Protein backbone atom coordinates (compact mmCIF):
# COMPACT_ATOMS: atom_id res chain seq x y z
CA MET A 1 116.85 111.70 70.90
CA ASN A 2 119.92 113.23 69.26
CA GLU A 3 121.27 111.92 65.95
CA ARG A 4 124.23 110.05 67.47
CA VAL A 5 122.06 108.20 69.95
CA GLU A 6 119.53 107.36 67.25
CA GLN A 7 122.33 106.07 65.02
CA PHE A 8 123.65 103.93 67.87
CA TYR A 9 120.26 102.25 68.35
CA GLN A 10 120.00 101.59 64.61
CA GLU A 11 123.43 99.96 64.69
CA LEU A 12 122.48 97.98 67.81
CA ASP A 13 119.39 96.63 66.04
CA LYS A 14 121.62 95.54 63.14
CA ALA A 15 124.06 93.92 65.57
CA TYR A 16 121.26 91.84 67.11
CA ALA A 17 119.90 90.93 63.67
CA SER A 18 123.27 89.78 62.29
CA ALA A 19 124.68 88.21 65.47
CA THR A 20 125.49 84.51 65.43
CA SER A 21 125.73 84.54 69.24
CA LEU A 22 125.14 86.89 72.15
CA LYS A 23 128.91 87.32 72.36
CA ASP A 24 128.72 89.23 69.08
CA VAL A 25 126.27 91.70 70.63
CA GLU A 26 128.43 92.06 73.73
CA ASN A 27 131.48 92.78 71.60
CA PHE A 28 129.56 95.42 69.64
CA LEU A 29 128.47 97.15 72.86
CA LEU A 30 131.95 97.01 74.40
CA LYS A 31 133.57 98.47 71.27
CA ALA A 32 130.90 101.19 71.06
CA LEU A 33 131.53 102.04 74.70
CA ASP A 34 135.29 102.17 74.18
CA ASP A 35 134.85 104.43 71.15
CA ASN A 36 132.61 106.82 73.08
CA THR A 37 134.32 106.99 76.46
CA ALA A 38 135.00 110.64 77.24
CA GLY A 39 138.32 109.91 78.93
CA CYS A 40 138.25 112.61 81.59
CA LYS A 41 136.01 113.40 84.53
CA PHE A 42 135.23 116.86 83.20
CA CYS A 43 134.07 115.61 79.79
CA PHE A 44 130.56 114.31 79.22
CA ASN A 45 129.35 112.22 76.31
CA THR A 46 125.65 111.37 76.58
CA LEU A 47 126.21 108.43 74.25
CA GLU A 48 128.60 106.91 76.81
CA THR A 49 125.79 106.77 79.39
CA THR A 50 123.36 105.39 76.82
CA ILE A 51 125.71 102.56 75.87
CA CYS A 52 126.54 101.82 79.53
CA ASN A 53 122.84 101.55 80.27
CA GLU A 54 122.27 99.19 77.34
CA LEU A 55 125.23 97.10 78.44
CA GLY A 56 123.75 96.83 81.94
CA SER A 57 120.45 95.66 80.47
CA PHE A 58 122.25 93.20 78.18
CA TYR A 59 124.18 91.64 81.06
CA ARG A 60 121.02 91.41 83.19
CA GLY A 61 119.20 89.66 80.35
CA THR A 62 122.01 87.15 79.96
CA GLY A 63 122.27 86.45 83.69
CA GLN A 64 125.63 88.21 84.19
CA PHE A 65 124.44 90.16 87.18
CA GLN A 66 127.75 91.45 88.54
CA LYS A 67 128.67 92.88 85.14
CA SER A 68 125.19 94.41 84.93
CA VAL A 69 125.66 96.10 88.30
CA GLU A 70 129.07 97.44 87.25
CA ALA A 71 127.66 98.91 84.03
CA PHE A 72 124.75 100.61 85.79
CA GLU A 73 127.04 101.90 88.56
CA ARG A 74 129.29 103.45 85.93
CA THR A 75 126.24 105.12 84.38
CA LYS A 76 125.13 106.37 87.80
CA THR A 77 128.53 107.96 88.43
CA LEU A 78 128.57 109.72 85.06
CA ILE A 79 125.05 111.10 85.48
CA ALA A 80 125.68 112.17 89.09
CA GLN A 81 128.78 114.10 87.99
CA HIS A 82 127.33 115.81 84.96
CA ILE A 83 123.54 116.00 85.44
CA GLY A 84 122.97 115.46 89.17
CA ASP A 85 121.94 112.73 91.56
CA ARG A 86 118.43 114.16 91.99
CA SER A 87 117.64 114.11 88.28
CA VAL A 88 115.15 111.96 86.37
CA GLU A 89 118.06 110.47 84.41
CA TYR A 90 119.79 109.41 87.62
CA ALA A 91 116.59 107.90 89.05
CA THR A 92 116.02 105.92 85.88
CA VAL A 93 119.43 104.28 86.15
CA VAL A 94 118.83 103.52 89.84
CA ASN A 95 115.57 101.88 88.78
CA ASN A 96 117.46 99.76 86.24
CA LEU A 97 120.06 98.81 88.85
CA ALA A 98 117.29 97.78 91.23
CA GLY A 99 115.88 95.53 88.51
CA THR A 100 119.19 93.71 88.31
CA TYR A 101 119.37 93.28 92.07
CA ARG A 102 115.81 91.89 92.09
CA VAL A 103 116.38 89.22 89.44
CA ALA A 104 119.70 88.37 91.14
CA GLY A 105 117.78 87.73 94.36
CA GLU A 106 119.37 90.61 96.28
CA LEU A 107 116.00 91.86 97.43
CA ASN A 108 117.11 94.31 100.13
CA LYS A 109 119.44 96.13 97.73
CA ALA A 110 116.65 96.19 95.15
CA LYS A 111 114.21 97.59 97.68
CA LEU A 112 116.55 100.39 98.77
CA CYS A 113 117.18 101.38 95.15
CA PHE A 114 113.49 101.44 94.28
CA ILE A 115 112.74 103.55 97.36
CA GLU A 116 115.51 106.01 96.38
CA CYS A 117 114.19 106.11 92.82
CA ALA A 118 110.60 106.76 93.98
CA ALA A 119 111.73 109.68 96.14
CA ILE A 120 113.56 111.31 93.21
CA TYR A 121 110.63 110.83 90.84
CA GLU A 122 108.25 112.29 93.44
CA GLY A 123 110.42 115.40 93.67
CA THR A 124 110.81 115.80 89.90
CA VAL A 125 108.01 114.43 87.71
CA GLY A 126 105.53 114.04 90.59
CA LYS A 127 103.33 111.12 91.61
CA GLU A 128 100.76 111.22 88.81
CA ASN A 129 103.30 110.07 86.27
CA THR A 130 104.07 106.75 84.58
CA LEU A 131 107.61 106.74 85.97
CA TYR A 132 106.46 107.06 89.58
CA CYS A 133 103.68 104.49 89.15
CA SER A 134 106.12 102.10 87.52
CA VAL A 135 108.60 102.23 90.38
CA LEU A 136 105.83 101.62 92.92
CA ASN A 137 104.87 98.53 90.93
CA ASN A 138 108.49 97.39 90.94
CA LEU A 139 108.79 97.98 94.67
CA ALA A 140 105.60 95.99 95.24
CA LEU A 141 107.10 93.05 93.35
CA VAL A 142 110.10 93.06 95.70
CA TYR A 143 107.81 93.02 98.73
CA GLN A 144 105.86 90.16 97.16
CA ASP A 145 109.11 88.26 96.55
CA GLU A 146 109.86 88.73 100.25
CA GLY A 147 106.42 87.42 101.20
CA ASP A 148 105.40 90.83 102.58
CA TYR A 149 101.99 90.89 100.89
CA LYS A 150 100.71 93.76 103.01
CA SER A 151 103.44 96.18 101.87
CA ALA A 152 103.12 94.90 98.31
CA GLU A 153 99.40 95.66 98.26
CA GLU A 154 99.89 99.10 99.84
CA ASN A 155 102.31 100.09 97.06
CA LEU A 156 100.09 98.67 94.34
CA ARG A 157 97.01 100.45 95.69
CA SER A 158 98.97 103.72 95.76
CA ALA A 159 100.18 103.13 92.20
CA LEU A 160 96.63 102.41 91.06
CA ALA A 161 95.32 105.62 92.65
CA PHE A 162 97.85 107.67 90.70
CA ALA A 163 97.63 105.62 87.49
CA THR A 164 93.86 106.01 87.36
CA ASN A 165 94.37 109.72 86.68
CA LEU A 166 96.65 109.06 83.72
CA PRO A 167 95.29 109.03 80.14
CA ALA A 168 93.48 105.79 79.26
CA GLU A 169 95.98 105.01 76.49
CA GLN A 170 98.80 104.78 79.03
CA PRO A 171 99.45 101.13 80.02
CA GLU A 172 100.37 101.82 83.66
CA CYS A 173 96.82 101.36 84.99
CA ALA A 174 96.50 98.02 83.18
CA ILE A 175 99.89 96.88 84.49
CA THR A 176 98.99 97.81 88.08
CA LEU A 177 95.62 96.04 87.90
CA SER A 178 97.44 92.97 86.60
CA ASN A 179 99.97 93.06 89.44
CA ILE A 180 97.20 93.36 92.03
CA GLY A 181 95.44 90.40 90.44
CA ALA A 182 98.65 88.36 90.47
CA LEU A 183 99.18 89.27 94.14
CA TYR A 184 95.72 88.01 95.09
CA LEU A 185 96.35 84.88 93.02
CA ALA A 186 99.53 84.26 95.02
CA LYS A 187 97.41 84.63 98.18
CA ASN A 188 94.89 82.16 96.67
CA ASP A 189 92.10 84.74 96.83
CA LEU A 190 90.67 83.68 93.48
CA ALA A 191 87.59 85.94 93.48
CA ALA A 192 89.63 89.11 94.06
CA ALA A 193 92.31 87.95 91.61
CA LYS A 194 89.74 87.43 88.86
CA GLU A 195 88.18 90.85 89.47
CA PHE A 196 91.46 92.69 88.96
CA LEU A 197 92.76 90.53 86.13
CA VAL A 198 89.55 91.03 84.14
CA LYS A 199 89.77 94.78 84.79
CA SER A 200 93.36 94.67 83.55
CA VAL A 201 92.30 93.07 80.26
CA GLU A 202 89.64 95.78 79.85
CA ALA A 203 92.25 98.49 80.50
CA TYR A 204 94.66 96.92 78.01
CA ASN A 205 91.96 97.07 75.33
CA LYS A 206 92.32 100.87 75.48
CA VAL A 207 96.08 100.67 74.87
CA ALA A 208 97.89 100.45 71.52
CA MET A 209 98.88 96.91 70.53
CA ASP A 210 102.60 97.60 70.79
CA ASP A 211 102.10 98.81 74.38
CA ARG A 212 100.39 95.56 75.42
CA VAL A 213 103.73 93.97 76.18
CA HIS A 214 102.58 92.63 79.56
CA LEU A 215 99.07 91.55 78.54
CA ALA A 216 100.38 88.02 78.01
CA ALA A 217 101.20 87.90 81.73
CA VAL A 218 97.57 88.76 82.53
CA TYR A 219 96.27 85.89 80.42
CA ASN A 220 98.90 83.62 81.94
CA SER A 221 97.60 84.51 85.41
CA LEU A 222 94.01 83.98 84.24
CA GLY A 223 95.04 80.56 82.92
CA SER A 224 96.37 79.60 86.35
CA LEU A 225 93.26 81.00 88.02
CA TYR A 226 90.80 79.10 85.81
CA PHE A 227 92.78 75.90 86.26
CA LYS A 228 92.64 76.32 90.04
CA GLU A 229 88.89 76.86 89.73
CA GLY A 230 88.59 73.54 87.92
CA ASN A 231 87.82 75.03 84.50
CA PRO A 232 90.53 73.66 82.17
CA ASN A 233 88.79 74.80 78.96
CA LYS A 234 88.83 78.44 80.04
CA ALA A 235 92.39 77.95 81.28
CA LEU A 236 93.44 76.71 77.84
CA ASP A 237 91.74 79.62 76.11
CA ALA A 238 93.56 82.12 78.34
CA LEU A 239 96.91 80.38 77.91
CA GLU A 240 96.54 80.25 74.12
CA LYS A 241 96.02 84.02 74.16
CA ALA A 242 99.13 84.38 76.34
CA LYS A 243 101.08 82.23 73.89
CA LYS A 244 100.00 84.30 70.87
CA LEU A 245 100.83 87.62 72.56
CA THR A 246 104.19 86.38 73.83
CA TYR A 247 105.16 85.28 70.35
CA TYR A 248 104.02 88.62 68.90
CA HIS A 249 106.13 90.69 71.30
CA PHE A 250 109.11 88.43 72.05
CA GLY A 251 109.19 85.48 69.67
CA GLU A 252 109.97 81.99 70.98
CA ASN A 253 111.76 83.13 74.15
CA HIS A 254 111.76 81.41 77.54
CA GLU A 255 108.37 82.93 78.47
CA TYR A 256 106.92 81.49 75.26
CA LYS A 257 108.28 78.04 76.10
CA SER A 258 106.91 78.34 79.63
CA VAL A 259 103.41 79.09 78.32
CA CYS A 260 103.67 76.14 75.91
CA ASN A 261 104.58 73.88 78.82
CA ALA A 262 101.60 75.16 80.81
CA ILE A 263 99.29 74.43 77.88
CA GLU A 264 100.61 70.88 77.63
CA TYR A 265 100.16 70.42 81.38
CA VAL A 266 96.51 71.47 81.21
CA LYS A 267 95.88 69.23 78.20
CA GLU A 268 97.44 66.26 80.00
CA SER A 269 95.18 66.91 83.00
CA MET A 270 92.21 66.69 80.62
CA GLY A 271 93.47 63.37 79.24
CA GLU A 272 94.36 64.75 75.82
């Protein structure tokens, strides 16, 4: 990371810390983008693409999906012109754009972007790489959203085969095991779901704490599974772990509130 990009992220952290509203963060990003726009198609400022990318992520996180798409499309154009549309950098932005389409419910657009991204990663970093495994996981989630469980499982199994060869401290294997478990849970195959979710927890235990960002989701799934099995005490234990991890990584965000609601639901079912 060059000094200017590093300085930008330091300033962005300060903007989030001092902001009284999300509008303050948006204004910071828009001003930073304006200050770092190259101004001609032959000029290239890497910081411009970095800020565009962050703006796309910001708009996605705040539910402003059209603005998110526009920011990522601008980043795509810049990278295609100056680095190339078969580069890792280009694929990464396509992956981000696909993420916006997915949460916006535009599943076919998301699917096409993830497929394009996977093809570029395969031709650059190769299949036994966290980037390639990650995009297969993302593609599987789109198929699952569409109700195409067969295609979802095929992509997850492929991701797991490649992720298994990655170093144990990489979280991709744990993430993939979790997604397979969640898929089986959605299909109400509780035995298979438990097998993969437990394996996911074991894999996460080999990963640094700060890389266990999605472990809360595993415990959340286990909570649902145990509740379906008629074991509310184990469900509560799993959900309390999910609550603690969510707070550690994200604070009291909407996922945290969702876990709290699930805990209260289980307690009410027990007559507490």
